[in-house]
Protein backbone atom coordinates (compact mmCIF):
# COMPACT_ATOMS: atom_id res chain seq x y z
CA MET A 1 19.51 11.07 -21.51
CA PRO A 2 20.16 14.57 -20.79
CA TRP A 3 20.86 15.89 -17.62
CA ARG A 4 18.19 18.04 -16.03
CA ALA A 5 18.32 20.01 -12.52
CA ARG A 6 15.68 19.42 -10.04
CA ASN A 7 13.07 21.94 -9.71
CA HIS A 8 13.10 22.27 -5.95
CA ARG A 9 10.45 25.12 -6.06
CA ALA A 10 7.64 23.24 -8.08
CA GLU A 11 8.27 20.29 -5.95
CA ALA A 12 7.54 22.63 -2.66
CA GLU A 13 4.85 24.07 -4.20
CA VAL A 14 3.12 20.42 -4.89
CA LYS A 15 4.06 19.55 -1.27
CA THR A 16 2.33 22.55 0.01
CA ARG A 17 -0.51 21.90 -2.08
CA GLU A 18 -0.91 18.58 -0.73
CA GLN A 19 -0.70 19.65 2.72
CA GLN A 20 -3.26 22.33 2.47
CA ARG A 21 -5.70 19.75 0.93
CA GLN A 22 -5.19 17.36 3.80
CA ARG A 23 -5.74 20.02 6.51
CA ALA A 24 -9.24 20.92 4.65
CA ARG A 25 -10.22 17.51 4.57
CA PRO A 26 -12.47 16.46 7.63
CA THR A 27 -11.12 13.79 10.43
CA ALA A 28 -12.03 10.32 9.77
CA GLN A 29 -14.54 10.29 12.62
CA GLN A 30 -16.46 13.46 10.92
CA ARG A 31 -16.54 11.52 7.85
CA GLY A 32 -18.41 9.03 9.62
CA TYR A 33 -15.65 6.22 10.46
CA ASP A 34 -16.16 5.96 14.09
CA TYR A 35 -15.27 2.87 16.60
CA VAL A 36 -18.26 0.57 15.01
CA TRP A 37 -16.96 1.19 11.75
CA SER A 38 -13.49 0.21 12.88
CA LEU A 39 -14.79 -2.98 13.99
CA PHE A 40 -17.01 -3.60 11.19
CA SER A 41 -13.70 -3.16 8.68
CA GLN A 42 -11.71 -5.54 10.64
CA ARG A 43 -14.51 -8.15 10.43
CA TRP A 44 -14.69 -7.51 6.40
CA LEU A 45 -11.00 -7.54 6.10
CA ARG A 46 -11.12 -11.28 7.97
CA THR A 47 -13.59 -12.50 5.63
CA HIS A 48 -12.24 -10.78 2.47
CA PRO A 49 -8.56 -10.55 3.06
CA ILE A 50 -7.30 -10.16 -1.05
CA CYS A 51 -7.10 -6.90 -2.74
CA GLY A 52 -9.71 -6.38 -4.89
CA GLU A 53 -11.96 -9.04 -3.35
CA GLN A 54 -15.92 -7.73 -3.53
CA TYR A 55 -18.67 -9.02 -1.23
CA ASP A 56 -19.24 -12.26 -2.89
CA GLY A 57 -15.78 -13.31 -2.98
CA THR A 58 -14.88 -12.43 -6.33
CA ILE A 59 -11.57 -10.31 -7.44
CA SER A 60 -12.51 -7.27 -9.22
CA ASP A 61 -9.83 -5.32 -11.15
CA GLN A 62 -11.84 -2.26 -11.63
CA TYR A 63 -10.10 -0.38 -8.62
CA SER A 64 -7.25 -3.03 -7.70
CA ALA A 65 -3.86 -2.47 -9.70
CA CYS A 66 -2.93 -5.92 -8.04
CA ALA A 67 -5.84 -7.75 -9.36
CA ARG A 68 -5.27 -6.50 -13.05
CA ALA A 69 -1.67 -7.16 -12.51
CA GLY A 70 -2.63 -10.76 -11.15
CA VAL A 71 -1.11 -10.12 -7.93
CA LEU A 72 -2.91 -11.65 -4.72
CA ALA A 73 -1.84 -8.75 -2.31
CA PRO A 74 -3.13 -8.63 1.07
CA ALA A 75 -6.07 -6.09 1.71
CA GLU A 76 -5.41 -3.55 4.34
CA VAL A 77 -8.41 -1.15 3.76
CA THR A 78 -12.12 -1.67 3.57
CA ASP A 79 -13.18 0.80 0.71
CA HIS A 80 -16.48 2.15 -0.26
CA ILE A 81 -17.09 1.72 -4.05
CA LEU A 82 -19.23 4.67 -4.12
CA SER A 83 -17.79 7.20 -1.38
CA MET A 84 -20.17 8.17 1.38
CA ALA A 85 -19.99 11.63 0.58
CA LYS A 86 -21.33 10.60 -2.84
CA GLY A 87 -24.28 8.54 -1.59
CA GLY A 88 -22.77 5.22 -1.02
CA GLU A 89 -23.96 3.28 1.75
CA LYS A 90 -21.79 3.03 4.77
CA TYR A 91 -22.32 -0.96 5.62
CA ASP A 92 -24.16 -2.01 2.34
CA PRO A 93 -21.50 -4.91 1.08
CA HIS A 94 -22.46 -4.42 -2.60
CA ASN A 95 -20.66 -1.17 -2.10
CA LEU A 96 -17.69 -2.62 -0.12
CA GLN A 97 -14.37 -4.07 -1.48
CA SER A 98 -11.05 -4.98 0.07
CA LEU A 99 -8.03 -3.02 -1.11
CA CYS A 100 -4.30 -2.76 -0.34
CA ARG A 101 -3.14 0.86 0.77
CA ALA A 102 -1.53 1.37 -2.57
CA CYS A 103 -4.45 0.51 -4.42
CA ASN A 104 -7.04 2.61 -2.05
CA SER A 105 -4.50 5.84 -2.38
CA LEU A 106 -4.40 5.29 -6.37
CA LYS A 107 -8.43 5.07 -6.35
CA MET A 108 -8.69 8.17 -4.21
CA ARG A 109 -6.32 10.18 -6.50
CA GLN A 110 -7.75 8.79 -9.75
CA TYR A 111 -11.41 8.94 -9.08
CA GLU A 112 -12.13 11.19 -5.99
CA SER A 113 -10.41 14.21 -6.92
């Protein structure tokens, strides 16, 4: 494989665009994730502790790379399948799933961009 020099300018531009996108994004509280949501999310994750787990206890691989790979990874995030910004209900169990941080980030990059 031939050696290639790193393109530091392109890497810096990508980093700058990501920083601008993050600054433009409203805070978690502005997006509706308050103290009550935090308590709800903690309770949800105690009940549904596996990445990809749905309200009924089934494991879905739709947004969980862990489930697709057959890995039972611990969930860290209560995720809205349909984001609240797109009309998803905040506390509807049919609209919630448990994800690990990596799968949640992947879902955001792939489906919500």
